[in-house]
């Protein structure tokens, strides 16, 4: 039984070894010369013009959270689509209810103006 997992264990060990090896080689063989351009903060190719602790608008975070939320909920649909025929009518209606709840949440956020960017 455990012999079936031996290739997985070997794969994990080779991956860990390769990761450690490549990081160590980069650290050992890489250049260690520091200069002003290398140590300066990089922000989209131009000099920073404000403090790094400036406040972002809360809508930025709200849009990011909404994207993650809807992206993850859509990811739930792929496994459901794979086993759709095996689930039958119950699987269809459970996904239908899931999509209705998702749509209600989307409409609520739309009406609240969370998707408007000024």
PDB file of N, CA and C in Angstrom:
ATOM      1  N   UNK A   1       0.814  -1.200   0.000  1.00  0.00           N
ATOM      2  CA  UNK A   1       0.000   0.000   0.000  1.00  0.00           C
ATOM      3  C   UNK A   1       0.863   1.272   0.000  1.00  0.00           C
ATOM      4  N   UNK A   2       1.843   1.325   0.889  1.00  0.00           N
ATOM      5  CA  UNK A   2       2.692   2.506   0.962  1.00  0.00           C
ATOM      6  C   UNK A   2       3.628   2.618  -0.235  1.00  0.00           C
ATOM      7  N   UNK A   3       3.863   1.504  -0.923  1.00  0.00           N
ATOM      8  CA  UNK A   3       4.732   1.539  -2.104  1.00  0.00           C
ATOM      9  C   UNK A   3       4.131   2.392  -3.205  1.00  0.00           C
ATOM     10  N   UNK A   4       2.815   2.565  -3.203  1.00  0.00           N
ATOM     11  CA  UNK A   4       2.161   3.413  -4.206  1.00  0.00           C
ATOM     12  C   UNK A   4       2.522   4.883  -4.033  1.00  0.00           C
ATOM     13  N   UNK A   5       2.895   5.257  -2.812  1.00  0.00           N
ATOM     14  CA  UNK A   5       3.218   6.650  -2.528  1.00  0.00           C
ATOM     15  C   UNK A   5       4.698   6.960  -2.702  1.00  0.00           C
ATOM     16  N   UNK A   6       5.512   5.961  -2.977  1.00  0.00           N
ATOM     17  CA  UNK A   6       6.944   6.179  -3.141  1.00  0.00           C
ATOM     18  C   UNK A   6       7.273   7.157  -4.263  1.00  0.00           C
ATOM     19  N   UNK A   7       6.650   7.069  -5.451  1.00  0.00           N
ATOM     20  CA  UNK A   7       6.951   8.077  -6.482  1.00  0.00           C
ATOM     21  C   UNK A   7       6.600   9.496  -6.058  1.00  0.00           C
ATOM     22  N   UNK A   8       5.525   9.646  -5.292  1.00  0.00           N
ATOM     23  CA  UNK A   8       5.144  10.982  -4.815  1.00  0.00           C
ATOM     24  C   UNK A   8       6.196  11.504  -3.842  1.00  0.00           C
ATOM     25  N   UNK A   9       6.659  10.647  -2.946  1.00  0.00           N
ATOM     26  CA  UNK A   9       7.688  11.049  -1.994  1.00  0.00           C
ATOM     27  C   UNK A   9       8.981  11.431  -2.715  1.00  0.00           C
ATOM     28  N   UNK A  10       9.370  10.627  -3.703  1.00  0.00           N
ATOM     29  CA  UNK A  10      10.581  10.934  -4.474  1.00  0.00           C
ATOM     30  C   UNK A  10      10.420  12.262  -5.197  1.00  0.00           C
ATOM     31  N   UNK A  11       9.250  12.499  -5.781  1.00  0.00           N
ATOM     32  CA  UNK A  11       8.985  13.759  -6.480  1.00  0.00           C
ATOM     33  C   UNK A  11       9.093  14.946  -5.536  1.00  0.00           C
ATOM     34  N   UNK A  12       8.541  14.836  -4.338  1.00  0.00           N
ATOM     35  CA  UNK A  12       8.612  15.924  -3.352  1.00  0.00           C
ATOM     36  C   UNK A  12      10.052  16.162  -2.924  1.00  0.00           C
ATOM     37  N   UNK A  13      10.790  15.093  -2.668  1.00  0.00           N
ATOM     38  CA  UNK A  13      12.186  15.255  -2.240  1.00  0.00           C
ATOM     39  C   UNK A  13      13.048  15.865  -3.336  1.00  0.00           C
ATOM     40  N   UNK A  14      12.854  15.444  -4.585  1.00  0.00           N
ATOM     41  CA  UNK A  14      13.610  16.038  -5.690  1.00  0.00           C
ATOM     42  C   UNK A  14      13.262  17.517  -5.832  1.00  0.00           C
ATOM     43  N   UNK A  15      11.975  17.874  -5.672  1.00  0.00           N
ATOM     44  CA  UNK A  15      11.571  19.279  -5.754  1.00  0.00           C
ATOM     45  C   UNK A  15      12.197  20.127  -4.658  1.00  0.00           C
ATOM     46  N   UNK A  16      12.191  19.615  -3.448  1.00  0.00           N
ATOM     47  CA  UNK A  16      12.803  20.349  -2.338  1.00  0.00           C
ATOM     48  C   UNK A  16      14.314  20.497  -2.557  1.00  0.00           C
ATOM     49  N   UNK A  17      14.962  19.416  -2.980  1.00  0.00           N
ATOM     50  CA  UNK A  17      16.395  19.467  -3.229  1.00  0.00           C
ATOM     51  C   UNK A  17      16.725  20.463  -4.340  1.00  0.00           C
ATOM     52  N   UNK A  18      15.949  20.426  -5.431  1.00  0.00           N
ATOM     53  CA  UNK A  18      16.212  21.351  -6.543  1.00  0.00           C
ATOM     54  C   UNK A  18      16.004  22.800  -6.100  1.00  0.00           C
ATOM     55  N   UNK A  19      14.964  23.056  -5.322  1.00  0.00           N
ATOM     56  CA  UNK A  19      14.732  24.414  -4.839  1.00  0.00           C
ATOM     57  C   UNK A  19      15.862  24.920  -3.973  1.00  0.00           C
ATOM     58  N   UNK A  20      16.313  24.095  -3.041  1.00  0.00           N
ATOM     59  CA  UNK A  20      17.423  24.490  -2.169  1.00  0.00           C
ATOM     60  C   UNK A  20      18.702  24.671  -2.983  1.00  0.00           C
ATOM     61  N   UNK A  21      18.938  23.768  -3.929  1.00  0.00           N
ATOM     62  CA  UNK A  21      20.136  23.850  -4.752  1.00  0.00           C
ATOM     63  C   UNK A  21      20.177  25.141  -5.565  1.00  0.00           C
ATOM     64  N   UNK A  22      19.082  25.490  -6.218  1.00  0.00           N
ATOM     65  CA  UNK A  22      19.069  26.681  -7.068  1.00  0.00           C
ATOM     66  C   UNK A  22      19.184  27.967  -6.253  1.00  0.00           C
ATOM     67  N   UNK A  23      18.556  28.018  -5.096  1.00  0.00           N
ATOM     68  CA  UNK A  23      18.680  29.202  -4.247  1.00  0.00           C
ATOM     69  C   UNK A  23      20.117  29.328  -3.735  1.00  0.00           C
ATOM     70  N   UNK A  24      20.718  28.207  -3.336  1.00  0.00           N
ATOM     71  CA  UNK A  24      22.097  28.247  -2.837  1.00  0.00           C
ATOM     72  C   UNK A  24      23.067  28.643  -3.937  1.00  0.00           C
ATOM     73  N   UNK A  25      22.876  28.115  -5.139  1.00  0.00           N
ATOM     74  CA  UNK A  25      23.751  28.495  -6.248  1.00  0.00           C
ATOM     75  C   UNK A  25      23.621  29.983  -6.581  1.00  0.00           C
ATOM     76  N   UNK A  26      22.414  30.489  -6.571  1.00  0.00           N
ATOM     77  CA  UNK A  26      22.227  31.913  -6.835  1.00  0.00           C
ATOM     78  C   UNK A  26      22.864  32.777  -5.773  1.00  0.00           C
ATOM     79  N   UNK A  27      22.775  32.338  -4.524  1.00  0.00           N
ATOM     80  CA  UNK A  27      23.371  33.115  -3.434  1.00  0.00           C
ATOM     81  C   UNK A  27      24.893  33.054  -3.487  1.00  0.00           C
ATOM     82  N   UNK A  28      25.430  31.884  -3.808  1.00  0.00           N
ATOM     83  CA  UNK A  28      26.882  31.724  -3.834  1.00  0.00           C
ATOM     84  C   UNK A  28      27.526  32.354  -5.065  1.00  0.00           C
ATOM     85  N   UNK A  29      26.916  32.174  -6.215  1.00  0.00           N
ATOM     86  CA  UNK A  29      27.539  32.620  -7.456  1.00  0.00           C
ATOM     87  C   UNK A  29      27.063  33.989  -7.935  1.00  0.00           C
ATOM     88  N   UNK A  30      26.023  34.527  -7.325  1.00  0.00           N
ATOM     89  CA  UNK A  30      25.472  35.801  -7.776  1.00  0.00           C
ATOM     90  C   UNK A  30      26.353  36.977  -7.412  1.00  0.00           C
ATOM     91  N   UNK A  31      26.237  38.071  -8.169  1.00  0.00           N
ATOM     92  CA  UNK A  31      27.039  39.259  -7.856  1.00  0.00           C
ATOM     93  C   UNK A  31      26.561  39.900  -6.553  1.00  0.00           C
ATOM     94  N   UNK A  32      27.501  40.444  -5.831  1.00  0.00           N
ATOM     95  CA  UNK A  32      27.182  41.054  -4.540  1.00  0.00           C
ATOM     96  C   UNK A  32      27.518  42.537  -4.523  1.00  0.00           C
ATOM     97  N   UNK A  33      27.567  43.141  -5.707  1.00  0.00           N
ATOM     98  CA  UNK A  33      27.879  44.564  -5.802  1.00  0.00           C
ATOM     99  C   UNK A  33      26.593  45.372  -5.590  1.00  0.00           C
ATOM    100  N   UNK A  34      26.609  46.233  -4.614  1.00  0.00           N
ATOM    101  CA  UNK A  34      25.463  47.105  -4.353  1.00  0.00           C
ATOM    102  C   UNK A  34      25.750  48.485  -4.927  1.00  0.00           C
ATOM    103  N   UNK A  35      24.788  49.069  -5.592  1.00  0.00           N
ATOM    104  CA  UNK A  35      24.908  50.422  -6.108  1.00  0.00           C
ATOM    105  C   UNK A  35      23.557  51.105  -5.963  1.00  0.00           C
ATOM    106  N   UNK A  36      23.550  52.428  -6.177  1.00  0.00           N
ATOM    107  CA  UNK A  36      22.370  53.225  -5.857  1.00  0.00           C
ATOM    108  C   UNK A  36      21.118  52.771  -6.603  1.00  0.00           C
ATOM    109  N   UNK A  37      21.241  52.484  -7.883  1.00  0.00           N
ATOM    110  CA  UNK A  37      20.066  52.086  -8.647  1.00  0.00           C
ATOM    111  C   UNK A  37      19.520  50.732  -8.178  1.00  0.00           C
ATOM    112  N   UNK A  38      20.398  49.873  -7.741  1.00  0.00           N
ATOM    113  CA  UNK A  38      19.969  48.549  -7.302  1.00  0.00           C
ATOM    114  C   UNK A  38      19.226  48.617  -5.969  1.00  0.00           C
ATOM    115  N   UNK A  39      19.655  49.497  -5.097  1.00  0.00           N
ATOM    116  CA  UNK A  39      19.041  49.579  -3.774  1.00  0.00           C
ATOM    117  C   UNK A  39      17.926  50.610  -3.691  1.00  0.00           C
ATOM    118  N   UNK A  40      17.677  51.346  -4.762  1.00  0.00           N
ATOM    119  CA  UNK A  40      16.611  52.341  -4.729  1.00  0.00           C
ATOM    120  C   UNK A  40      15.252  51.660  -4.875  1.00  0.00           C
ATOM    121  N   UNK A  41      14.199  52.269  -4.325  1.00  0.00           N
ATOM    122  CA  UNK A  41      12.865  51.675  -4.454  1.00  0.00           C
ATOM    123  C   UNK A  41      12.398  51.744  -5.903  1.00  0.00           C
ATOM    124  N   UNK A  42      11.781  50.693  -6.344  1.00  0.00           N
ATOM    125  CA  UNK A  42      11.302  50.612  -7.728  1.00  0.00           C
ATOM    126  C   UNK A  42       9.779  50.662  -7.722  1.00  0.00           C
ATOM    127  N   UNK A  43       9.240  51.546  -8.509  1.00  0.00           N
ATOM    128  CA  UNK A  43       7.790  51.653  -8.601  1.00  0.00           C
ATOM    129  C   UNK A  43       7.424  52.022 -10.029  1.00  0.00           C
ATOM    130  N   UNK A  44       7.161  51.046 -10.839  1.00  0.00           N
ATOM    131  CA  UNK A  44       6.661  51.232 -12.201  1.00  0.00           C
ATOM    132  C   UNK A  44       7.596  52.053 -13.077  1.00  0.00           C
ATOM    133  N   UNK A  45       8.880  52.044 -12.818  1.00  0.00           N
ATOM    134  CA  UNK A  45       9.828  52.698 -13.692  1.00  0.00           C
ATOM    135  C   UNK A  45      10.045  54.171 -13.436  1.00  0.00           C
ATOM    136  N   UNK A  46       9.381  54.750 -12.455  1.00  0.00           N
ATOM    137  CA  UNK A  46       9.610  56.167 -12.169  1.00  0.00           C
ATOM    138  C   UNK A  46       9.760  56.354 -10.664  1.00  0.00           C
ATOM    139  N   UNK A  47      10.297  57.486 -10.310  1.00  0.00           N
ATOM    140  CA  UNK A  47      10.540  57.769  -8.893  1.00  0.00           C
ATOM    141  C   UNK A  47       9.224  57.883  -8.127  1.00  0.00           C
ATOM    142  N   UNK A  48       9.272  57.463  -6.895  1.00  0.00           N
ATOM    143  CA  UNK A  48       8.086  57.571  -6.036  1.00  0.00           C
ATOM    144  C   UNK A  48       7.801  59.041  -5.769  1.00  0.00           C
ATOM    145  N   UNK A  49       6.516  59.397  -5.805  1.00  0.00           N
ATOM    146  CA  UNK A  49       6.165  60.802  -5.614  1.00  0.00           C
ATOM    147  C   UNK A  49       5.361  61.036  -4.347  1.00  0.00           C
ATOM    148  N   UNK A  50       5.023  59.979  -3.623  1.00  0.00           N
ATOM    149  CA  UNK A  50       4.301  60.142  -2.366  1.00  0.00           C
ATOM    150  C   UNK A  50       4.905  59.225  -1.317  1.00  0.00           C
ATOM    151  N   UNK A  51       4.409  59.379  -0.115  1.00  0.00           N
ATOM    152  CA  UNK A  51       4.846  58.539   0.984  1.00  0.00           C
ATOM    153  C   UNK A  51       4.361  57.108   0.756  1.00  0.00           C
ATOM    154  N   UNK A  52       5.156  56.148   1.173  1.00  0.00           N
ATOM    155  CA  UNK A  52       4.770  54.749   0.975  1.00  0.00           C
ATOM    156  C   UNK A  52       3.625  54.337   1.884  1.00  0.00           C
ATOM    157  N   UNK A  53       3.328  55.132   2.885  1.00  0.00           N
ATOM    158  CA  UNK A  53       2.236  54.805   3.795  1.00  0.00           C
ATOM    159  C   UNK A  53       0.965  55.590   3.475  1.00  0.00           C
ATOM    160  N   UNK A  54       0.813  56.000   2.218  1.00  0.00           N
ATOM    161  CA  UNK A  54      -0.397  56.743   1.852  1.00  0.00           C
ATOM    162  C   UNK A  54      -1.613  55.825   1.911  1.00  0.00           C
ATOM    163  N   UNK A  55      -2.753  56.402   2.177  1.00  0.00           N
ATOM    164  CA  UNK A  55      -3.979  55.627   2.321  1.00  0.00           C
ATOM    165  C   UNK A  55      -4.596  55.374   0.952  1.00  0.00           C
ATOM    166  N   UNK A  56      -5.033  54.142   0.754  1.00  0.00           N
ATOM    167  CA  UNK A  56      -5.755  53.792  -0.453  1.00  0.00           C
ATOM    168  C   UNK A  56      -7.243  53.933  -0.195  1.00  0.00           C
ATOM    169  N   UNK A  57      -7.959  54.196  -1.246  1.00  0.00           N
ATOM    170  CA  UNK A  57      -9.408  54.245  -1.145  1.00  0.00           C
ATOM    171  C   UNK A  57      -9.931  52.851  -0.839  1.00  0.00           C
ATOM    172  N   UNK A  58     -10.924  52.775   0.016  1.00  0.00           N
ATOM    173  CA  UNK A  58     -11.457  51.483   0.429  1.00  0.00           C
ATOM    174  C   UNK A  58     -12.088  50.740  -0.749  1.00  0.00           C
ATOM    175  N   UNK A  59     -12.482  51.452  -1.787  1.00  0.00           N
ATOM    176  CA  UNK A  59     -13.069  50.795  -2.958  1.00  0.00           C
ATOM    177  C   UNK A  59     -12.053  49.911  -3.671  1.00  0.00           C
ATOM    178  N   UNK A  60     -10.792  50.270  -3.589  1.00  0.00           N
ATOM    179  CA  UNK A  60      -9.749  49.434  -4.182  1.00  0.00           C
ATOM    180  C   UNK A  60      -9.765  48.043  -3.539  1.00  0.00           C
ATOM    181  N   UNK A  61      -9.812  48.015  -2.220  1.00  0.00           N
ATOM    182  CA  UNK A  61      -9.835  46.740  -1.515  1.00  0.00           C
ATOM    183  C   UNK A  61     -11.154  46.012  -1.750  1.00  0.00           C
ATOM    184  N   UNK A  62     -12.231  46.744  -1.823  1.00  0.00           N
ATOM    185  CA  UNK A  62     -13.536  46.133  -2.047  1.00  0.00           C
ATOM    186  C   UNK A  62     -13.598  45.449  -3.407  1.00  0.00           C
ATOM    187  N   UNK A  63     -13.072  46.092  -4.431  1.00  0.00           N
ATOM    188  CA  UNK A  63     -13.054  45.481  -5.759  1.00  0.00           C
ATOM    189  C   UNK A  63     -12.162  44.238  -5.749  1.00  0.00           C
ATOM    190  N   UNK A  64     -11.035  44.300  -5.055  1.00  0.00           N
ATOM    191  CA  UNK A  64     -10.144  43.142  -4.980  1.00  0.00           C
ATOM    192  C   UNK A  64     -10.820  41.983  -4.265  1.00  0.00           C
ATOM    193  N   UNK A  65     -11.506  42.268  -3.169  1.00  0.00           N
ATOM    194  CA  UNK A  65     -12.199  41.216  -2.433  1.00  0.00           C
ATOM    195  C   UNK A  65     -13.332  40.642  -3.267  1.00  0.00           C
ATOM    196  N   UNK A  66     -14.061  41.495  -3.965  1.00  0.00           N
ATOM    197  CA  UNK A  66     -15.141  41.002  -4.820  1.00  0.00           C
ATOM    198  C   UNK A  66     -14.602  40.120  -5.937  1.00  0.00           C
ATOM    199  N   UNK A  67     -13.472  40.510  -6.509  1.00  0.00           N
ATOM    200  CA  UNK A  67     -12.880  39.678  -7.551  1.00  0.00           C
ATOM    201  C   UNK A  67     -12.524  38.301  -7.006  1.00  0.00           C
ATOM    202  N   UNK A  68     -11.865  38.268  -5.851  1.00  0.00           N
ATOM    203  CA  UNK A  68     -11.488  36.984  -5.266  1.00  0.00           C
ATOM    204  C   UNK A  68     -12.724  36.171  -4.928  1.00  0.00           C
ATOM    205  N   UNK A  69     -13.729  36.819  -4.369  1.00  0.00           N
ATOM    206  CA  UNK A  69     -14.961  36.125  -3.994  1.00  0.00           C
ATOM    207  C   UNK A  69     -15.623  35.485  -5.206  1.00  0.00           C
ATOM    208  N   UNK A  70     -15.844  36.249  -6.252  1.00  0.00           N
ATOM    209  CA  UNK A  70     -16.525  35.709  -7.424  1.00  0.00           C
ATOM    210  C   UNK A  70     -15.633  34.746  -8.191  1.00  0.00           C
ATOM    211  N   UNK A  71     -14.350  34.959  -8.169  1.00  0.00           N
ATOM    212  CA  UNK A  71     -13.438  34.042  -8.842  1.00  0.00           C
ATOM    213  C   UNK A  71     -13.454  32.680  -8.158  1.00  0.00           C
ATOM    214  N   UNK A  72     -13.435  32.658  -6.835  1.00  0.00           N
ATOM    215  CA  UNK A  72     -13.477  31.392  -6.116  1.00  0.00           C
ATOM    216  C   UNK A  72     -14.824  30.702  -6.280  1.00  0.00           C
ATOM    217  N   UNK A  73     -15.880  31.473  -6.311  1.00  0.00           N
ATOM    218  CA  UNK A  73     -17.193  30.849  -6.485  1.00  0.00           C
ATOM    219  C   UNK A  73     -17.331  30.242  -7.872  1.00  0.00           C
ATOM    220  N   UNK A  74     -16.753  30.875  -8.862  1.00  0.00           N
ATOM    221  CA  UNK A  74     -16.779  30.291 -10.206  1.00  0.00           C
ATOM    222  C   UNK A  74     -15.920  29.030 -10.237  1.00  0.00           C
ATOM    223  N   UNK A  75     -14.853  28.994  -9.452  1.00  0.00           N
ATOM    224  CA  UNK A  75     -14.000  27.799  -9.410  1.00  0.00           C
ATOM    225  C   UNK A  75     -14.762  26.598  -8.855  1.00  0.00           C
ATOM    226  N   UNK A  76     -15.794  26.833  -8.040  1.00  0.00           N
ATOM    227  CA  UNK A  76     -16.612  25.723  -7.547  1.00  0.00           C
ATOM    228  C   UNK A  76     -17.437  25.083  -8.656  1.00  0.00           C
ATOM    229  N   UNK A  77     -17.616  25.788  -9.744  1.00  0.00           N
ATOM    230  CA  UNK A  77     -18.458  25.260 -10.817  1.00  0.00           C
ATOM    231  C   UNK A  77     -17.737  24.216 -11.663  1.00  0.00           C
ATOM    232  N   UNK A  78     -16.422  24.234 -11.721  1.00  0.00           N
ATOM    233  CA  UNK A  78     -15.704  23.273 -12.551  1.00  0.00           C
ATOM    234  C   UNK A  78     -15.850  21.835 -12.048  1.00  0.00           C
ATOM    235  N   UNK A  79     -15.631  21.570 -10.757  1.00  0.00           N
ATOM    236  CA  UNK A  79     -15.853  20.190 -10.303  1.00  0.00           C
ATOM    237  C   UNK A  79     -17.313  19.763 -10.474  1.00  0.00           C
ATOM    238  N   UNK A  80     -18.234  20.690 -10.259  1.00  0.00           N
ATOM    239  CA  UNK A  80     -19.647  20.379 -10.447  1.00  0.00           C
ATOM    240  C   UNK A  80     -19.932  20.005 -11.893  1.00  0.00           C
ATOM    241  N   UNK A  81     -19.325  20.712 -12.834  1.00  0.00           N
ATOM    242  CA  UNK A  81     -19.551  20.421 -14.242  1.00  0.00           C
ATOM    243  C   UNK A  81     -18.983  19.057 -14.629  1.00  0.00           C
ATOM    244  N   UNK A  82     -17.907  18.641 -13.975  1.00  0.00           N
ATOM    245  CA  UNK A  82     -17.305  17.354 -14.300  1.00  0.00           C
ATOM    246  C   UNK A  82     -18.224  16.203 -13.887  1.00  0.00           C
ATOM    247  N   UNK A  83     -18.858  16.325 -12.737  1.00  0.00           N
ATOM    248  CA  UNK A  83     -19.712  15.236 -12.228  1.00  0.00           C
ATOM    249  C   UNK A  83     -21.196  15.558 -12.377  1.00  0.00           C
ATOM    250  N   UNK A  84     -21.543  16.430 -13.283  1.00  0.00           N
ATOM    251  CA  UNK A  84     -22.924  16.879 -13.437  1.00  0.00           C
ATOM    252  C   UNK A  84     -23.883  15.724 -13.698  1.00  0.00           C
ATOM    253  N   UNK A  85     -23.534  14.823 -14.580  1.00  0.00           N
ATOM    254  CA  UNK A  85     -24.434  13.718 -14.924  1.00  0.00           C
ATOM    255  C   UNK A  85     -24.638  12.758 -13.757  1.00  0.00           C
ATOM    256  N   UNK A  86     -23.648  12.626 -12.894  1.00  0.00           N
ATOM    257  CA  UNK A  86     -23.775  11.723 -11.750  1.00  0.00           C
ATOM    258  C   UNK A  86     -24.618  12.326 -10.630  1.00  0.00           C
ATOM    259  N   UNK A  87     -24.738  13.638 -10.584  1.00  0.00           N
ATOM    260  CA  UNK A  87     -25.474  14.293  -9.494  1.00  0.00           C
ATOM    261  C   UNK A  87     -26.980  14.252  -9.684  1.00  0.00           C
ATOM    262  N   UNK A  88     -27.416  14.266 -10.907  1.00  0.00           N
ATOM    263  CA  UNK A  88     -28.848  14.203 -11.177  1.00  0.00           C
ATOM    264  C   UNK A  88     -29.543  15.527 -10.917  1.00  0.00           C
ATOM    265  N   UNK A  89     -30.832  15.412 -10.606  1.00  0.00           N
ATOM    266  CA  UNK A  89     -31.673  16.596 -10.414  1.00  0.00           C
ATOM    267  C   UNK A  89     -31.258  17.372  -9.172  1.00  0.00           C
ATOM    268  N   UNK A  90     -30.889  16.658  -8.103  1.00  0.00           N
ATOM    269  CA  UNK A  90     -30.464  17.341  -6.880  1.00  0.00           C
ATOM    270  C   UNK A  90     -29.238  18.211  -7.130  1.00  0.00           C
ATOM    271  N   UNK A  91     -28.283  17.710  -7.896  1.00  0.00           N
ATOM    272  CA  UNK A  91     -27.085  18.482  -8.220  1.00  0.00           C
ATOM    273  C   UNK A  91     -27.410  19.708  -9.044  1.00  0.00           C
ATOM    274  N   UNK A  92     -28.353  19.550  -9.974  1.00  0.00           N
ATOM    275  CA  UNK A  92     -28.746  20.694 -10.794  1.00  0.00           C
ATOM    276  C   UNK A  92     -29.364  21.790  -9.946  1.00  0.00           C
ATOM    277  N   UNK A  93     -30.325  21.421  -9.091  1.00  0.00           N
ATOM    278  CA  UNK A  93     -31.023  22.440  -8.297  1.00  0.00           C
ATOM    279  C   UNK A  93     -30.134  23.040  -7.211  1.00  0.00           C
ATOM    280  N   UNK A  94     -29.221  22.255  -6.670  1.00  0.00           N
ATOM    281  CA  UNK A  94     -28.310  22.833  -5.675  1.00  0.00           C
ATOM    282  C   UNK A  94     -27.396  23.874  -6.324  1.00  0.00           C
ATOM    283  N   UNK A  95     -26.909  23.617  -7.537  1.00  0.00           N
ATOM    284  CA  UNK A  95     -26.097  24.608  -8.235  1.00  0.00           C
ATOM    285  C   UNK A  95     -26.947  25.799  -8.658  1.00  0.00           C
ATOM    286  N   UNK A  96     -28.194  25.554  -9.006  1.00  0.00           N
ATOM    287  CA  UNK A  96     -29.095  26.649  -9.369  1.00  0.00           C
ATOM    288  C   UNK A  96     -29.285  27.592  -8.181  1.00  0.00           C
ATOM    289  N   UNK A  97     -29.501  27.035  -6.998  1.00  0.00           N
ATOM    290  CA  UNK A  97     -29.644  27.866  -5.788  1.00  0.00           C
ATOM    291  C   UNK A  97     -28.339  28.615  -5.510  1.00  0.00           C
ATOM    292  N   UNK A  98     -27.207  27.941  -5.674  1.00  0.00           N
ATOM    293  CA  UNK A  98     -25.903  28.581  -5.489  1.00  0.00           C
ATOM    294  C   UNK A  98     -25.745  29.772  -6.425  1.00  0.00           C
ATOM    295  N   UNK A  99     -26.118  29.603  -7.685  1.00  0.00           N
ATOM    296  CA  UNK A  99     -26.001  30.695  -8.655  1.00  0.00           C
ATOM    297  C   UNK A  99     -26.983  31.826  -8.360  1.00  0.00           C
ATOM    298  N   UNK A 100     -28.162  31.502  -7.859  1.00  0.00           N
ATOM    299  CA  UNK A 100     -29.122  32.550  -7.480  1.00  0.00           C
ATOM    300  C   UNK A 100     -28.543  33.388  -6.340  1.00  0.00           C
ATOM    301  N   UNK A 101     -27.981  32.728  -5.331  1.00  0.00           N
ATOM    302  CA  UNK A 101     -27.375  33.460  -4.208  1.00  0.00           C
ATOM    303  C   UNK A 101     -26.207  34.306  -4.704  1.00  0.00           C
ATOM    304  N   UNK A 102     -25.402  33.772  -5.600  1.00  0.00           N
ATOM    305  CA  UNK A 102     -24.293  34.522  -6.178  1.00  0.00           C
ATOM    306  C   UNK A 102     -24.797  35.739  -6.941  1.00  0.00           C
ATOM    307  N   UNK A 103     -25.859  35.577  -7.710  1.00  0.00           N
ATOM    308  CA  UNK A 103     -26.429  36.685  -8.477  1.00  0.00           C
ATOM    309  C   UNK A 103     -27.018  37.744  -7.553  1.00  0.00           C
ATOM    310  N   UNK A 104     -27.684  37.326  -6.490  1.00  0.00           N
ATOM    311  CA  UNK A 104     -28.231  38.296  -5.529  1.00  0.00           C
ATOM    312  C   UNK A 104     -27.104  39.109  -4.899  1.00  0.00           C
ATOM    313  N   UNK A 105     -25.999  38.460  -4.530  1.00  0.00           N
ATOM    314  CA  UNK A 105     -24.854  39.183  -3.975  1.00  0.00           C
ATOM    315  C   UNK A 105     -24.249  40.156  -4.971  1.00  0.00           C
ATOM    316  N   UNK A 106     -24.180  39.738  -6.232  1.00  0.00           N
ATOM    317  CA  UNK A 106     -23.638  40.612  -7.271  1.00  0.00           C
ATOM    318  C   UNK A 106     -24.523  41.838  -7.475  1.00  0.00           C
ATOM    319  N   UNK A 107     -25.835  41.631  -7.542  1.00  0.00           N
ATOM    320  CA  UNK A 107     -26.761  42.754  -7.725  1.00  0.00           C
ATOM    321  C   UNK A 107     -26.707  43.694  -6.520  1.00  0.00           C
ATOM    322  N   UNK A 108     -26.599  43.127  -5.318  1.00  0.00           N
ATOM    323  CA  UNK A 108     -26.502  43.953  -4.113  1.00  0.00           C
ATOM    324  C   UNK A 108     -25.263  44.843  -4.170  1.00  0.00           C
ATOM    325  N   UNK A 109     -24.118  44.268  -4.523  1.00  0.00           N
ATOM    326  CA  UNK A 109     -22.894  45.058  -4.617  1.00  0.00           C
ATOM    327  C   UNK A 109     -22.988  46.098  -5.724  1.00  0.00           C
ATOM    328  N   UNK A 110     -23.647  45.756  -6.804  1.00  0.00           N
ATOM    329  CA  UNK A 110     -23.832  46.695  -7.908  1.00  0.00           C
ATOM    330  C   UNK A 110     -24.693  47.873  -7.473  1.00  0.00           C
ATOM    331  N   UNK A 111     -25.793  47.589  -6.773  1.00  0.00           N
ATOM    332  CA  UNK A 111     -26.687  48.651  -6.308  1.00  0.00           C
ATOM    333  C   UNK A 111     -26.024  49.533  -5.251  1.00  0.00           C
ATOM    334  N   UNK A 112     -25.157  48.953  -4.443  1.00  0.00           N
ATOM    335  CA  UNK A 112     -24.450  49.732  -3.420  1.00  0.00           C
ATOM    336  C   UNK A 112     -23.350  50.604  -4.026  1.00  0.00           C
ATOM    337  N   UNK A 113     -23.021  50.384  -5.293  1.00  0.00           N
ATOM    338  CA  UNK A 113     -22.002  51.197  -5.949  1.00  0.00           C
ATOM    339  C   UNK A 113     -20.585  50.704  -5.750  1.00  0.00           C
ATOM    340  N   UNK A 114     -20.436  49.445  -5.331  1.00  0.00           N
ATOM    341  CA  UNK A 114     -19.097  48.920  -5.070  1.00  0.00           C
ATOM    342  C   UNK A 114     -18.318  48.729  -6.362  1.00  0.00           C
ATOM    343  N   UNK A 115     -18.992  48.634  -7.473  1.00  0.00           N
ATOM    344  CA  UNK A 115     -18.302  48.410  -8.749  1.00  0.00           C
ATOM    345  C   UNK A 115     -18.047  49.705  -9.511  1.00  0.00           C
ATOM    346  N   UNK A 116     -18.472  50.819  -8.968  1.00  0.00           N
ATOM    347  CA  UNK A 116     -18.243  52.124  -9.614  1.00  0.00           C
ATOM    348  C   UNK A 116     -16.881  52.645  -9.204  1.00  0.00           C
ATOM    349  N   UNK A 117     -16.136  53.087 -10.174  1.00  0.00           N
ATOM    350  CA  UNK A 117     -14.814  53.646  -9.901  1.00  0.00           C
ATOM    351  C   UNK A 117     -14.760  55.061 -10.446  1.00  0.00           C
ATOM    352  N   UNK A 118     -14.475  56.019  -9.596  1.00  0.00           N
ATOM    353  CA  UNK A 118     -14.499  57.427 -10.001  1.00  0.00           C
ATOM    354  C   UNK A 118     -13.110  57.926 -10.319  1.00  0.00           C
TER     355      UNK A 118
END
